[in-house]
Structure formats: structure tokens, C-alpha cells
């Protein structure tokens, strides 16, 4: 009996010490620089947005926020690294729907579960994506492009630099009933280089990396994937206006940590990211990227992850894309 009481007391003391250690860690957080992993290469829209937030939250945190680019495998490389990191708040993932929605939906045996293997911190916002053509393509509207593609089956090449591009183009092609040749790239900047050069003819790409090329005539935008026109290019119709009302795909960004992060640290980071969204310089930078800020609680981001994973699975099914 005495040994049982001693064991119980030891267990209670251990739990109490663990609680004190966790509380002390949260109160002193952050005591060193924070690493924020981005699943796309430098120069991409996500990289640009992540760096704006890294600079915006660093002063109030009192520590540098270092952006580390880990591109590849549709974002799964960066997500896997963060999943395996210590859940102490010093390794974060600036994620998009690529690693958290599309990559898991595209794999029969994904390397992680986006719902259970990560701690949601804050929703960040929504990307604007345009349907782009090289000017050599004799089409100025979605209807004209579909007619041209049907007249030239398998002769047009399309580029992708992320899973949003892959899934969006698969859905677009399925709804339009057209066939194109897929040319995948590691990221948007590389894909855009070949689109501008005319080595590929079609691409679904984010506004942040394309608007300048559209305005100077090196690329032609025939539609925007949002449910309303973008103020940055208001003359470009939505896909619904262009005759594709069934196209519905959200491209989003959010911040995550490894599973089982201390709640105090999660709340601190959530406050920092949401406060950054109110800063005029952040809002101005996001306007240039045609990126719509949202913000959220950790719980709301968790709900979004579940909803979007199911949405991407449904979209892939409609597009006829089988997980590999």
C-alpha cells in the first residue's frame, strides 16, 4: 500500500512539474528566432506573403522570424518537416491548400494527416488565380479558347507550379471537355518563365506573380477563379460569367505548427498574426498580391482544413483524377 501511495505521489509530482515547465516555456516564448517553412520557392506568391508576415510579427514577438523555402512534392516535403519538428512554437508552416488539401487528396497513402498531425494557428487569406494564355493563342475569351482547344486536341501544353494549378486545370479541362499536355514545374516562377516564352500555352496562376505580365501584354488573362471579379484587374470576368458556373475551388493560406503545441503559444501566435493583418503596410502589400486577408481562431482554421480536404477530394473525383 505504501509503495502504491509513493508511486501515485511521484506521478502527481511529475505531472505538476510538467505543467510548471510548460507554463514557464509559454511565458518565456519566444526566447530565440522562429523558423517559418514555406512550401514554395523564393519569388512565389506564397513566399512573398510569408515574408511580409514574418517582418510584421517579428517586432512584437521580439525575435527574428526566419523564412525557409522547402519546395517540392506539392508542399509535402515542407509539411513533413514541420510535422516532425518539436512542437515548441519555433518551427511553423506557412501552408496553402497544396500541402494541406491537394497533396493528401492526390495520394492513396499520404505522408501525413493534415487534420491530426498539425496544430492550426490562424487562417491568413485567399489567393486570386487567373486563367492565363500565351498571346500566340488565338483566343480572348474562355469560349474561344475551349473551341480552339477542341479543334487542336493534345496539341496545347499547360504549365503548373503547384497543386492548385494541377487540380484547377484538371477541373477546367473536365468541365470544358478538352485535352491538353501537362508540363509540371517545381514552382510558379519557373512555370511562368516558360509560359511567357511561349514554350507552354496555358496556365492557372496566382495574381501576385502574373499581374505585371498581364498588364504589359506578355500574358493574356481570360478569367479569374474567384466568385467575383478582382479589383486589381476588374475587366477580367469570373469563370461563372465566362460560362463555367460549376467551377468552384478555394485557394487559401494558413499557419500551422506540429501537433500538440502548448495552447498558450498557439494563442500568442494567433494574436500576432491577426494583429499583423490590421497594419496598413501589410494590407497594402496584400492588395498588390490581390490576396484577401481573412484571419481566424485556431478552431476555425481546423474546420477549414477538414472542409477543404473533402472539397479537393470531391473536385478530383469530378475531374476524373485518381489518387496515385
C-alpha atoms as a PDB file:
ATOM      1  CA  UNK A   1       0.000   0.000   0.000  1.00  0.00           C
ATOM      2  CA  UNK A   2       2.813   2.341   0.911  1.00  0.00           C
ATOM      3  CA  UNK A   3       4.570   1.726  -2.426  1.00  0.00           C
ATOM      4  CA  UNK A   4       1.318   2.453  -4.282  1.00  0.00           C
ATOM      5  CA  UNK A   5       0.959   5.762  -2.468  1.00  0.00           C
ATOM      6  CA  UNK A   6       4.583   6.615  -3.225  1.00  0.00           C
ATOM      7  CA  UNK A   7       4.083   5.829  -6.931  1.00  0.00           C
ATOM      8  CA  UNK A   8       0.910   7.919  -7.047  1.00  0.00           C
ATOM      9  CA  UNK A   9       2.653  10.818  -5.361  1.00  0.00           C
ATOM     10  CA  UNK A  10       5.553  10.565  -7.793  1.00  0.00           C
ATOM     11  CA  UNK A  11       3.178  10.559 -10.758  1.00  0.00           C
ATOM     12  CA  UNK A  12       1.319  13.565  -9.381  1.00  0.00           C
ATOM     13  CA  UNK A  13       4.576  15.419  -8.778  1.00  0.00           C
ATOM     14  CA  UNK A  14       5.787  14.595 -12.283  1.00  0.00           C
ATOM     15  CA  UNK A  15       2.574  15.913 -13.817  1.00  0.00           C
ATOM     16  CA  UNK A  16       2.800  19.075 -11.713  1.00  0.00           C
ATOM     17  CA  UNK A  17       6.407  19.681 -12.729  1.00  0.00           C
ATOM     18  CA  UNK A  18       5.462  19.117 -16.375  1.00  0.00           C
ATOM     19  CA  UNK A  19       2.687  21.676 -16.044  1.00  0.00           C
ATOM     20  CA  UNK A  20       5.061  24.196 -14.480  1.00  0.00           C
ATOM     21  CA  UNK A  21       7.630  23.571 -17.224  1.00  0.00           C
ATOM     22  CA  UNK A  22       5.021  24.051 -19.966  1.00  0.00           C
ATOM     23  CA  UNK A  23       3.722  27.241 -18.337  1.00  0.00           C
ATOM     24  CA  UNK A  24       7.230  28.639 -17.917  1.00  0.00           C
ATOM     25  CA  UNK A  25       8.070  27.825 -21.539  1.00  0.00           C
ATOM     26  CA  UNK A  26       4.913  29.564 -22.764  1.00  0.00           C
ATOM     27  CA  UNK A  27       5.570  32.646 -20.617  1.00  0.00           C
ATOM     28  CA  UNK A  28       9.137  32.992 -21.903  1.00  0.00           C
ATOM     29  CA  UNK A  29       8.163  32.335 -25.518  1.00  0.00           C
ATOM     30  CA  UNK A  30       9.787  33.235 -27.807  1.00  0.00           C
ATOM     31  CA  UNK A  31      13.312  33.071 -26.425  1.00  0.00           C
ATOM     32  CA  UNK A  32      15.023  32.526 -29.780  1.00  0.00           C
ATOM     33  CA  UNK A  33      14.340  33.066 -33.541  1.00  0.00           C
ATOM     34  CA  UNK A  34      11.333  31.316 -35.087  1.00  0.00           C
ATOM     35  CA  UNK A  35      11.585  29.380 -38.325  1.00  0.00           C
ATOM     36  CA  UNK A  36       8.643  29.572 -40.740  1.00  0.00           C
ATOM     37  CA  UNK A  37       8.813  26.982 -43.510  1.00  0.00           C
ATOM     38  CA  UNK A  38       7.307  27.898 -46.903  1.00  0.00           C
ATOM     39  CA  UNK A  39       6.456  25.062 -49.327  1.00  0.00           C
ATOM     40  CA  UNK A  40       7.312  27.056 -52.469  1.00  0.00           C
ATOM     41  CA  UNK A  41      10.479  28.636 -53.903  1.00  0.00           C
ATOM     42  CA  UNK A  42      11.639  32.245 -53.426  1.00  0.00           C
ATOM     43  CA  UNK A  43       9.719  34.673 -55.604  1.00  0.00           C
ATOM     44  CA  UNK A  44       6.457  32.736 -55.481  1.00  0.00           C
ATOM     45  CA  UNK A  45       3.277  34.425 -54.251  1.00  0.00           C
ATOM     46  CA  UNK A  46       3.277  32.382 -51.044  1.00  0.00           C
ATOM     47  CA  UNK A  47       6.916  33.226 -50.364  1.00  0.00           C
ATOM     48  CA  UNK A  48       6.199  36.949 -50.800  1.00  0.00           C
ATOM     49  CA  UNK A  49       3.187  36.861 -48.475  1.00  0.00           C
ATOM     50  CA  UNK A  50       5.008  34.806 -45.850  1.00  0.00           C
ATOM     51  CA  UNK A  51       7.921  37.258 -45.784  1.00  0.00           C
ATOM     52  CA  UNK A  52       5.558  40.208 -45.296  1.00  0.00           C
ATOM     53  CA  UNK A  53       4.034  38.483 -42.250  1.00  0.00           C
ATOM     54  CA  UNK A  54       7.422  37.392 -40.921  1.00  0.00           C
ATOM     55  CA  UNK A  55       8.530  41.025 -40.898  1.00  0.00           C
ATOM     56  CA  UNK A  56       5.239  42.220 -39.437  1.00  0.00           C
ATOM     57  CA  UNK A  57       5.118  39.908 -36.407  1.00  0.00           C
ATOM     58  CA  UNK A  58       8.832  39.971 -35.517  1.00  0.00           C
ATOM     59  CA  UNK A  59       8.888  43.336 -33.645  1.00  0.00           C
ATOM     60  CA  UNK A  60       6.123  42.467 -31.193  1.00  0.00           C
ATOM     61  CA  UNK A  61       7.495  38.959 -30.672  1.00  0.00           C
ATOM     62  CA  UNK A  62      10.928  40.407 -30.013  1.00  0.00           C
ATOM     63  CA  UNK A  63      12.579  37.761 -32.173  1.00  0.00           C
ATOM     64  CA  UNK A  64      13.502  37.304 -35.822  1.00  0.00           C
ATOM     65  CA  UNK A  65      11.146  35.163 -37.899  1.00  0.00           C
ATOM     66  CA  UNK A  66      13.237  33.336 -40.476  1.00  0.00           C
ATOM     67  CA  UNK A  67      11.596  32.188 -43.712  1.00  0.00           C
ATOM     68  CA  UNK A  68      12.935  28.901 -45.034  1.00  0.00           C
ATOM     69  CA  UNK A  69      11.887  27.715 -48.513  1.00  0.00           C
ATOM     70  CA  UNK A  70      11.407  23.948 -48.849  1.00  0.00           C
ATOM     71  CA  UNK A  71       9.773  23.367 -52.231  1.00  0.00           C
ATOM     72  CA  UNK A  72       8.884  20.018 -53.747  1.00  0.00           C
ATOM     73  CA  UNK A  73       6.351  17.164 -53.670  1.00  0.00           C
ATOM     74  CA  UNK A  74       3.389  19.575 -53.832  1.00  0.00           C
ATOM     75  CA  UNK A  75       4.369  21.009 -50.453  1.00  0.00           C
ATOM     76  CA  UNK A  76       4.599  17.624 -48.742  1.00  0.00           C
ATOM     77  CA  UNK A  77       8.361  17.999 -48.081  1.00  0.00           C
ATOM     78  CA  UNK A  78       7.893  21.151 -46.016  1.00  0.00           C
ATOM     79  CA  UNK A  79       4.787  19.823 -44.276  1.00  0.00           C
ATOM     80  CA  UNK A  80       6.538  16.581 -43.316  1.00  0.00           C
ATOM     81  CA  UNK A  81       9.485  18.522 -41.874  1.00  0.00           C
ATOM     82  CA  UNK A  82       7.221  20.658 -39.693  1.00  0.00           C
ATOM     83  CA  UNK A  83       5.127  17.646 -38.658  1.00  0.00           C
ATOM     84  CA  UNK A  84       8.314  16.002 -37.276  1.00  0.00           C
ATOM     85  CA  UNK A  85       9.574  19.140 -35.519  1.00  0.00           C
ATOM     86  CA  UNK A  86       9.457  19.808 -31.781  1.00  0.00           C
ATOM     87  CA  UNK A  87       6.002  21.324 -31.007  1.00  0.00           C
ATOM     88  CA  UNK A  88       7.561  24.216 -29.093  1.00  0.00           C
ATOM     89  CA  UNK A  89       6.458  27.047 -31.389  1.00  0.00           C
ATOM     90  CA  UNK A  90       9.861  27.555 -33.023  1.00  0.00           C
ATOM     91  CA  UNK A  91       9.021  25.721 -36.260  1.00  0.00           C
ATOM     92  CA  UNK A  92       5.937  26.858 -38.169  1.00  0.00           C
ATOM     93  CA  UNK A  93       4.444  26.021 -41.557  1.00  0.00           C
ATOM     94  CA  UNK A  94       3.105  28.810 -43.762  1.00  0.00           C
ATOM     95  CA  UNK A  95       0.839  26.400 -45.593  1.00  0.00           C
ATOM     96  CA  UNK A  96      -1.546  26.595 -48.512  1.00  0.00           C
ATOM     97  CA  UNK A  97      -4.159  24.224 -49.842  1.00  0.00           C
ATOM     98  CA  UNK A  98      -1.352  22.467 -51.752  1.00  0.00           C
ATOM     99  CA  UNK A  99       0.209  20.609 -48.797  1.00  0.00           C
ATOM    100  CA  UNK A 100      -2.927  20.649 -46.621  1.00  0.00           C
ATOM    101  CA  UNK A 101      -5.682  19.833 -49.148  1.00  0.00           C
ATOM    102  CA  UNK A 102      -4.425  18.798 -52.562  1.00  0.00           C
ATOM    103  CA  UNK A 103      -1.333  16.736 -51.742  1.00  0.00           C
ATOM    104  CA  UNK A 104      -3.178  14.467 -49.277  1.00  0.00           C
ATOM    105  CA  UNK A 105      -6.103  14.130 -51.699  1.00  0.00           C
ATOM    106  CA  UNK A 106      -3.769  13.191 -54.564  1.00  0.00           C
ATOM    107  CA  UNK A 107      -2.140  10.345 -52.626  1.00  0.00           C
ATOM    108  CA  UNK A 108      -3.648   6.986 -51.694  1.00  0.00           C
ATOM    109  CA  UNK A 109      -1.172   6.851 -48.807  1.00  0.00           C
ATOM    110  CA  UNK A 110      -0.284  10.465 -47.910  1.00  0.00           C
ATOM    111  CA  UNK A 111       2.760  11.006 -45.650  1.00  0.00           C
ATOM    112  CA  UNK A 112       0.675  12.833 -43.044  1.00  0.00           C
ATOM    113  CA  UNK A 113      -2.858  13.645 -41.940  1.00  0.00           C
ATOM    114  CA  UNK A 114      -3.478  17.407 -42.279  1.00  0.00           C
ATOM    115  CA  UNK A 115      -6.177  17.218 -39.607  1.00  0.00           C
ATOM    116  CA  UNK A 116      -4.374  15.306 -36.828  1.00  0.00           C
ATOM    117  CA  UNK A 117      -0.652  15.856 -37.499  1.00  0.00           C
ATOM    118  CA  UNK A 118      -0.649  19.662 -37.193  1.00  0.00           C
ATOM    119  CA  UNK A 119      -1.768  22.393 -34.821  1.00  0.00           C
ATOM    120  CA  UNK A 120      -3.877  25.093 -36.559  1.00  0.00           C
ATOM    121  CA  UNK A 121      -2.806  28.612 -35.616  1.00  0.00           C
ATOM    122  CA  UNK A 122      -4.545  31.100 -37.945  1.00  0.00           C
ATOM    123  CA  UNK A 123      -6.190  31.331 -41.317  1.00  0.00           C
ATOM    124  CA  UNK A 124      -4.384  34.001 -43.355  1.00  0.00           C
ATOM    125  CA  UNK A 125      -6.423  34.545 -46.517  1.00  0.00           C
ATOM    126  CA  UNK A 126      -7.413  33.703 -50.084  1.00  0.00           C
ATOM    127  CA  UNK A 127      -5.412  33.853 -53.308  1.00  0.00           C
ATOM    128  CA  UNK A 128      -6.610  35.236 -56.618  1.00  0.00           C
ATOM    129  CA  UNK A 129      -5.876  32.899 -59.537  1.00  0.00           C
ATOM    130  CA  UNK A 130      -6.182  33.803 -63.215  1.00  0.00           C
ATOM    131  CA  UNK A 131      -6.680  31.586 -66.266  1.00  0.00           C
ATOM    132  CA  UNK A 132      -3.769  32.624 -68.487  1.00  0.00           C
ATOM    133  CA  UNK A 133      -2.829  32.176 -72.135  1.00  0.00           C
ATOM    134  CA  UNK A 134       0.273  32.981 -74.117  1.00  0.00           C
ATOM    135  CA  UNK A 135      -0.613  35.746 -76.628  1.00  0.00           C
ATOM    136  CA  UNK A 136       0.138  33.380 -79.526  1.00  0.00           C
ATOM    137  CA  UNK A 137      -3.087  31.502 -78.734  1.00  0.00           C
ATOM    138  CA  UNK A 138      -5.849  32.999 -80.928  1.00  0.00           C
ATOM    139  CA  UNK A 139      -8.446  33.274 -78.162  1.00  0.00           C
ATOM    140  CA  UNK A 140      -9.534  36.178 -75.982  1.00  0.00           C
ATOM    141  CA  UNK A 141     -12.359  34.513 -74.052  1.00  0.00           C
ATOM    142  CA  UNK A 142     -12.937  31.190 -72.321  1.00  0.00           C
ATOM    143  CA  UNK A 143     -15.425  30.148 -75.024  1.00  0.00           C
ATOM    144  CA  UNK A 144     -12.935  30.947 -77.779  1.00  0.00           C
ATOM    145  CA  UNK A 145     -10.173  29.055 -76.015  1.00  0.00           C
ATOM    146  CA  UNK A 146     -12.342  25.982 -75.465  1.00  0.00           C
ATOM    147  CA  UNK A 147     -13.303  25.975 -79.147  1.00  0.00           C
ATOM    148  CA  UNK A 148      -9.630  26.319 -80.158  1.00  0.00           C
ATOM    149  CA  UNK A 149      -8.530  23.542 -77.775  1.00  0.00           C
ATOM    150  CA  UNK A 150     -11.239  21.208 -79.087  1.00  0.00           C
ATOM    151  CA  UNK A 151     -10.048  21.893 -82.623  1.00  0.00           C
ATOM    152  CA  UNK A 152      -6.468  21.027 -81.554  1.00  0.00           C
ATOM    153  CA  UNK A 153      -6.752  18.110 -79.105  1.00  0.00           C
ATOM    154  CA  UNK A 154      -3.489  17.204 -77.399  1.00  0.00           C
ATOM    155  CA  UNK A 155      -1.544  19.960 -79.174  1.00  0.00           C
ATOM    156  CA  UNK A 156      -1.613  22.565 -76.370  1.00  0.00           C
ATOM    157  CA  UNK A 157       0.723  22.425 -73.378  1.00  0.00           C
ATOM    158  CA  UNK A 158      -0.250  23.664 -69.939  1.00  0.00           C
ATOM    159  CA  UNK A 159       2.104  24.511 -67.068  1.00  0.00           C
ATOM    160  CA  UNK A 160       1.596  24.014 -63.350  1.00  0.00           C
ATOM    161  CA  UNK A 161       3.728  25.235 -60.469  1.00  0.00           C
ATOM    162  CA  UNK A 162       1.629  23.979 -57.564  1.00  0.00           C
ATOM    163  CA  UNK A 163      -1.235  21.624 -56.823  1.00  0.00           C
ATOM    164  CA  UNK A 164      -3.802  24.417 -57.152  1.00  0.00           C
ATOM    165  CA  UNK A 165      -2.706  24.705 -60.769  1.00  0.00           C
ATOM    166  CA  UNK A 166      -2.863  20.937 -61.223  1.00  0.00           C
ATOM    167  CA  UNK A 167      -6.316  20.475 -59.717  1.00  0.00           C
ATOM    168  CA  UNK A 168      -7.747  23.683 -61.226  1.00  0.00           C
ATOM    169  CA  UNK A 169      -6.606  22.791 -64.731  1.00  0.00           C
ATOM    170  CA  UNK A 170      -7.868  19.223 -64.357  1.00  0.00           C
ATOM    171  CA  UNK A 171     -11.287  20.544 -63.332  1.00  0.00           C
ATOM    172  CA  UNK A 172     -11.286  23.210 -66.067  1.00  0.00           C
ATOM    173  CA  UNK A 173     -10.384  20.640 -68.736  1.00  0.00           C
ATOM    174  CA  UNK A 174     -13.010  18.212 -67.472  1.00  0.00           C
ATOM    175  CA  UNK A 175     -15.794  20.819 -67.471  1.00  0.00           C
ATOM    176  CA  UNK A 176     -14.716  22.119 -70.904  1.00  0.00           C
ATOM    177  CA  UNK A 177     -14.223  18.673 -72.420  1.00  0.00           C
ATOM    178  CA  UNK A 178     -10.721  19.451 -73.742  1.00  0.00           C
ATOM    179  CA  UNK A 179      -7.359  17.652 -73.783  1.00  0.00           C
ATOM    180  CA  UNK A 180      -4.006  19.345 -73.122  1.00  0.00           C
ATOM    181  CA  UNK A 181      -0.494  18.102 -72.306  1.00  0.00           C
ATOM    182  CA  UNK A 182       0.684  18.635 -68.725  1.00  0.00           C
ATOM    183  CA  UNK A 183       4.138  20.178 -68.165  1.00  0.00           C
ATOM    184  CA  UNK A 184       4.813  20.292 -64.377  1.00  0.00           C
ATOM    185  CA  UNK A 185       7.289  22.688 -62.736  1.00  0.00           C
ATOM    186  CA  UNK A 186       8.697  22.951 -59.217  1.00  0.00           C
ATOM    187  CA  UNK A 187       7.095  26.356 -58.680  1.00  0.00           C
ATOM    188  CA  UNK A 188       5.178  29.192 -60.339  1.00  0.00           C
ATOM    189  CA  UNK A 189       8.198  31.383 -61.219  1.00  0.00           C
ATOM    190  CA  UNK A 190       9.753  28.621 -63.345  1.00  0.00           C
ATOM    191  CA  UNK A 191       6.423  27.791 -64.999  1.00  0.00           C
ATOM    192  CA  UNK A 192       5.727  31.443 -65.782  1.00  0.00           C
ATOM    193  CA  UNK A 193       9.126  31.800 -67.443  1.00  0.00           C
ATOM    194  CA  UNK A 194       8.178  29.141 -69.981  1.00  0.00           C
ATOM    195  CA  UNK A 195       4.628  30.492 -70.377  1.00  0.00           C
ATOM    196  CA  UNK A 196       5.972  33.968 -71.194  1.00  0.00           C
ATOM    197  CA  UNK A 197       8.477  32.412 -73.605  1.00  0.00           C
ATOM    198  CA  UNK A 198       5.687  30.511 -75.379  1.00  0.00           C
ATOM    199  CA  UNK A 199       7.019  27.040 -74.569  1.00  0.00           C
ATOM    200  CA  UNK A 200       3.633  26.334 -72.943  1.00  0.00           C
ATOM    201  CA  UNK A 201       0.338  27.983 -73.841  1.00  0.00           C
ATOM    202  CA  UNK A 202      -1.967  27.716 -70.797  1.00  0.00           C
ATOM    203  CA  UNK A 203      -1.637  28.138 -67.045  1.00  0.00           C
ATOM    204  CA  UNK A 204      -3.709  28.758 -63.913  1.00  0.00           C
ATOM    205  CA  UNK A 205      -1.529  31.035 -61.772  1.00  0.00           C
ATOM    206  CA  UNK A 206      -1.755  33.401 -58.819  1.00  0.00           C
ATOM    207  CA  UNK A 207      -2.195  37.129 -59.316  1.00  0.00           C
ATOM    208  CA  UNK A 208       0.861  38.108 -57.307  1.00  0.00           C
ATOM    209  CA  UNK A 209       3.291  36.671 -59.835  1.00  0.00           C
ATOM    210  CA  UNK A 210       1.330  37.416 -63.010  1.00  0.00           C
ATOM    211  CA  UNK A 211      -0.439  40.793 -62.906  1.00  0.00           C
ATOM    212  CA  UNK A 212       2.565  42.754 -64.170  1.00  0.00           C
ATOM    213  CA  UNK A 213       2.973  40.396 -67.127  1.00  0.00           C
ATOM    214  CA  UNK A 214      -0.748  40.632 -67.900  1.00  0.00           C
ATOM    215  CA  UNK A 215      -0.717  44.426 -67.854  1.00  0.00           C
ATOM    216  CA  UNK A 216       2.291  44.666 -70.170  1.00  0.00           C
ATOM    217  CA  UNK A 217       0.726  42.234 -72.666  1.00  0.00           C
ATOM    218  CA  UNK A 218       3.118  39.306 -72.235  1.00  0.00           C
ATOM    219  CA  UNK A 219       0.261  37.180 -70.916  1.00  0.00           C
ATOM    220  CA  UNK A 220      -3.488  37.201 -71.542  1.00  0.00           C
ATOM    221  CA  UNK A 221      -5.969  36.630 -68.687  1.00  0.00           C
ATOM    222  CA  UNK A 222      -9.294  35.210 -69.852  1.00  0.00           C
ATOM    223  CA  UNK A 223     -10.909  34.574 -66.449  1.00  0.00           C
ATOM    224  CA  UNK A 224     -10.443  34.757 -62.679  1.00  0.00           C
ATOM    225  CA  UNK A 225     -11.240  31.734 -60.493  1.00  0.00           C
ATOM    226  CA  UNK A 226     -12.860  33.790 -57.706  1.00  0.00           C
ATOM    227  CA  UNK A 227     -16.626  34.133 -57.393  1.00  0.00           C
ATOM    228  CA  UNK A 228     -16.293  37.859 -58.079  1.00  0.00           C
ATOM    229  CA  UNK A 229     -14.012  39.989 -60.255  1.00  0.00           C
ATOM    230  CA  UNK A 230     -10.683  41.062 -58.830  1.00  0.00           C
ATOM    231  CA  UNK A 231     -10.262  44.818 -58.221  1.00  0.00           C
ATOM    232  CA  UNK A 232      -6.697  44.514 -59.464  1.00  0.00           C
ATOM    233  CA  UNK A 233      -7.964  43.508 -62.963  1.00  0.00           C
ATOM    234  CA  UNK A 234     -11.691  44.286 -62.963  1.00  0.00           C
ATOM    235  CA  UNK A 235     -12.005  43.804 -66.721  1.00  0.00           C
ATOM    236  CA  UNK A 236     -11.308  40.065 -66.412  1.00  0.00           C
ATOM    237  CA  UNK A 237     -14.556  38.062 -65.985  1.00  0.00           C
ATOM    238  CA  UNK A 238     -15.121  35.287 -63.459  1.00  0.00           C
ATOM    239  CA  UNK A 239     -15.334  31.732 -64.740  1.00  0.00           C
ATOM    240  CA  UNK A 240     -19.035  31.755 -63.890  1.00  0.00           C
ATOM    241  CA  UNK A 241     -19.513  34.845 -66.072  1.00  0.00           C
ATOM    242  CA  UNK A 242     -17.439  33.150 -68.765  1.00  0.00           C
ATOM    243  CA  UNK A 243     -19.764  30.135 -68.886  1.00  0.00           C
ATOM    244  CA  UNK A 244     -18.337  27.799 -66.192  1.00  0.00           C
ATOM    245  CA  UNK A 245     -20.609  28.229 -63.154  1.00  0.00           C
ATOM    246  CA  UNK A 246     -19.697  24.755 -61.818  1.00  0.00           C
ATOM    247  CA  UNK A 247     -16.040  25.667 -61.291  1.00  0.00           C
ATOM    248  CA  UNK A 248     -15.538  26.166 -57.550  1.00  0.00           C
ATOM    249  CA  UNK A 249     -12.144  25.874 -55.894  1.00  0.00           C
ATOM    250  CA  UNK A 250     -10.735  27.878 -52.971  1.00  0.00           C
ATOM    251  CA  UNK A 251      -7.032  28.651 -52.779  1.00  0.00           C
ATOM    252  CA  UNK A 252      -6.105  29.563 -49.218  1.00  0.00           C
ATOM    253  CA  UNK A 253      -3.179  30.069 -46.851  1.00  0.00           C
ATOM    254  CA  UNK A 254      -2.826  29.447 -43.130  1.00  0.00           C
ATOM    255  CA  UNK A 255      -0.214  28.997 -40.406  1.00  0.00           C
ATOM    256  CA  UNK A 256       0.331  25.698 -38.593  1.00  0.00           C
ATOM    257  CA  UNK A 257       2.685  24.086 -36.133  1.00  0.00           C
ATOM    258  CA  UNK A 258       3.371  20.452 -35.278  1.00  0.00           C
ATOM    259  CA  UNK A 259       0.658  18.564 -33.394  1.00  0.00           C
ATOM    260  CA  UNK A 260       0.347  19.091 -29.626  1.00  0.00           C
ATOM    261  CA  UNK A 261       1.691  22.635 -29.385  1.00  0.00           C
ATOM    262  CA  UNK A 262       1.031  24.306 -25.994  1.00  0.00           C
ATOM    263  CA  UNK A 263      -2.204  26.274 -26.122  1.00  0.00           C
ATOM    264  CA  UNK A 264      -0.619  29.425 -24.655  1.00  0.00           C
ATOM    265  CA  UNK A 265       1.892  29.541 -27.510  1.00  0.00           C
ATOM    266  CA  UNK A 266      -0.818  28.875 -30.104  1.00  0.00           C
ATOM    267  CA  UNK A 267      -2.893  31.745 -28.705  1.00  0.00           C
ATOM    268  CA  UNK A 268       0.116  34.091 -28.683  1.00  0.00           C
ATOM    269  CA  UNK A 269       0.919  33.363 -32.317  1.00  0.00           C
ATOM    270  CA  UNK A 270      -2.731  33.634 -33.308  1.00  0.00           C
ATOM    271  CA  UNK A 271      -2.909  37.114 -31.773  1.00  0.00           C
ATOM    272  CA  UNK A 272       0.283  38.177 -33.547  1.00  0.00           C
ATOM    273  CA  UNK A 273      -0.817  37.043 -37.000  1.00  0.00           C
ATOM    274  CA  UNK A 274      -4.293  38.539 -36.656  1.00  0.00           C
ATOM    275  CA  UNK A 275      -2.853  41.820 -35.352  1.00  0.00           C
ATOM    276  CA  UNK A 276      -0.489  41.967 -38.330  1.00  0.00           C
ATOM    277  CA  UNK A 277      -3.488  41.897 -40.663  1.00  0.00           C
ATOM    278  CA  UNK A 278      -4.640  45.264 -39.298  1.00  0.00           C
ATOM    279  CA  UNK A 279      -1.363  47.008 -40.164  1.00  0.00           C
ATOM    280  CA  UNK A 280      -1.648  49.372 -43.151  1.00  0.00           C
ATOM    281  CA  UNK A 281       1.652  48.208 -44.649  1.00  0.00           C
ATOM    282  CA  UNK A 282       0.522  44.575 -44.551  1.00  0.00           C
ATOM    283  CA  UNK A 283      -2.839  45.427 -46.101  1.00  0.00           C
ATOM    284  CA  UNK A 284      -1.115  47.419 -48.851  1.00  0.00           C
ATOM    285  CA  UNK A 285       1.265  44.550 -49.620  1.00  0.00           C
ATOM    286  CA  UNK A 286      -1.613  42.069 -49.757  1.00  0.00           C
ATOM    287  CA  UNK A 287      -3.511  44.394 -52.089  1.00  0.00           C
ATOM    288  CA  UNK A 288      -0.582  44.298 -54.501  1.00  0.00           C
ATOM    289  CA  UNK A 289      -0.769  40.500 -54.404  1.00  0.00           C
ATOM    290  CA  UNK A 290      -4.568  40.517 -54.871  1.00  0.00           C
ATOM    291  CA  UNK A 291      -4.654  38.469 -51.669  1.00  0.00           C
ATOM    292  CA  UNK A 292      -7.754  38.697 -49.472  1.00  0.00           C
ATOM    293  CA  UNK A 293      -6.978  38.665 -45.738  1.00  0.00           C
ATOM    294  CA  UNK A 294      -9.301  36.651 -43.525  1.00  0.00           C
ATOM    295  CA  UNK A 295      -7.866  35.792 -40.117  1.00  0.00           C
ATOM    296  CA  UNK A 296      -9.472  33.283 -37.764  1.00  0.00           C
ATOM    297  CA  UNK A 297      -9.289  31.434 -34.486  1.00  0.00           C
ATOM    298  CA  UNK A 298      -7.285  28.186 -34.429  1.00  0.00           C
ATOM    299  CA  UNK A 299     -10.564  26.266 -34.289  1.00  0.00           C
ATOM    300  CA  UNK A 300     -11.935  27.981 -37.385  1.00  0.00           C
ATOM    301  CA  UNK A 301      -8.788  27.085 -39.320  1.00  0.00           C
ATOM    302  CA  UNK A 302      -9.173  23.482 -38.162  1.00  0.00           C
ATOM    303  CA  UNK A 303     -12.699  23.402 -39.588  1.00  0.00           C
ATOM    304  CA  UNK A 304     -11.449  24.894 -42.875  1.00  0.00           C
ATOM    305  CA  UNK A 305      -8.794  22.178 -43.194  1.00  0.00           C
ATOM    306  CA  UNK A 306     -11.413  19.426 -42.831  1.00  0.00           C
ATOM    307  CA  UNK A 307     -13.830  21.095 -45.258  1.00  0.00           C
ATOM    308  CA  UNK A 308     -11.198  21.794 -47.920  1.00  0.00           C
ATOM    309  CA  UNK A 309      -9.714  18.304 -47.774  1.00  0.00           C
ATOM    310  CA  UNK A 310     -13.133  16.877 -48.580  1.00  0.00           C
ATOM    311  CA  UNK A 311     -13.704  19.560 -51.234  1.00  0.00           C
ATOM    312  CA  UNK A 312     -10.458  18.717 -53.029  1.00  0.00           C
ATOM    313  CA  UNK A 313     -11.263  15.012 -52.940  1.00  0.00           C
ATOM    314  CA  UNK A 314     -14.665  15.753 -54.478  1.00  0.00           C
ATOM    315  CA  UNK A 315     -13.108  18.040 -57.106  1.00  0.00           C
ATOM    316  CA  UNK A 316     -10.578  15.385 -58.110  1.00  0.00           C
ATOM    317  CA  UNK A 317     -13.383  12.869 -58.469  1.00  0.00           C
ATOM    318  CA  UNK A 318     -15.346  15.221 -60.737  1.00  0.00           C
ATOM    319  CA  UNK A 319     -12.200  15.885 -62.786  1.00  0.00           C
ATOM    320  CA  UNK A 320     -11.528  12.166 -63.136  1.00  0.00           C
ATOM    321  CA  UNK A 321      -8.168  12.340 -61.349  1.00  0.00           C
ATOM    322  CA  UNK A 322      -7.339   9.179 -59.405  1.00  0.00           C
ATOM    323  CA  UNK A 323      -5.022   9.330 -56.354  1.00  0.00           C
ATOM    324  CA  UNK A 324      -1.671   7.655 -57.050  1.00  0.00           C
END
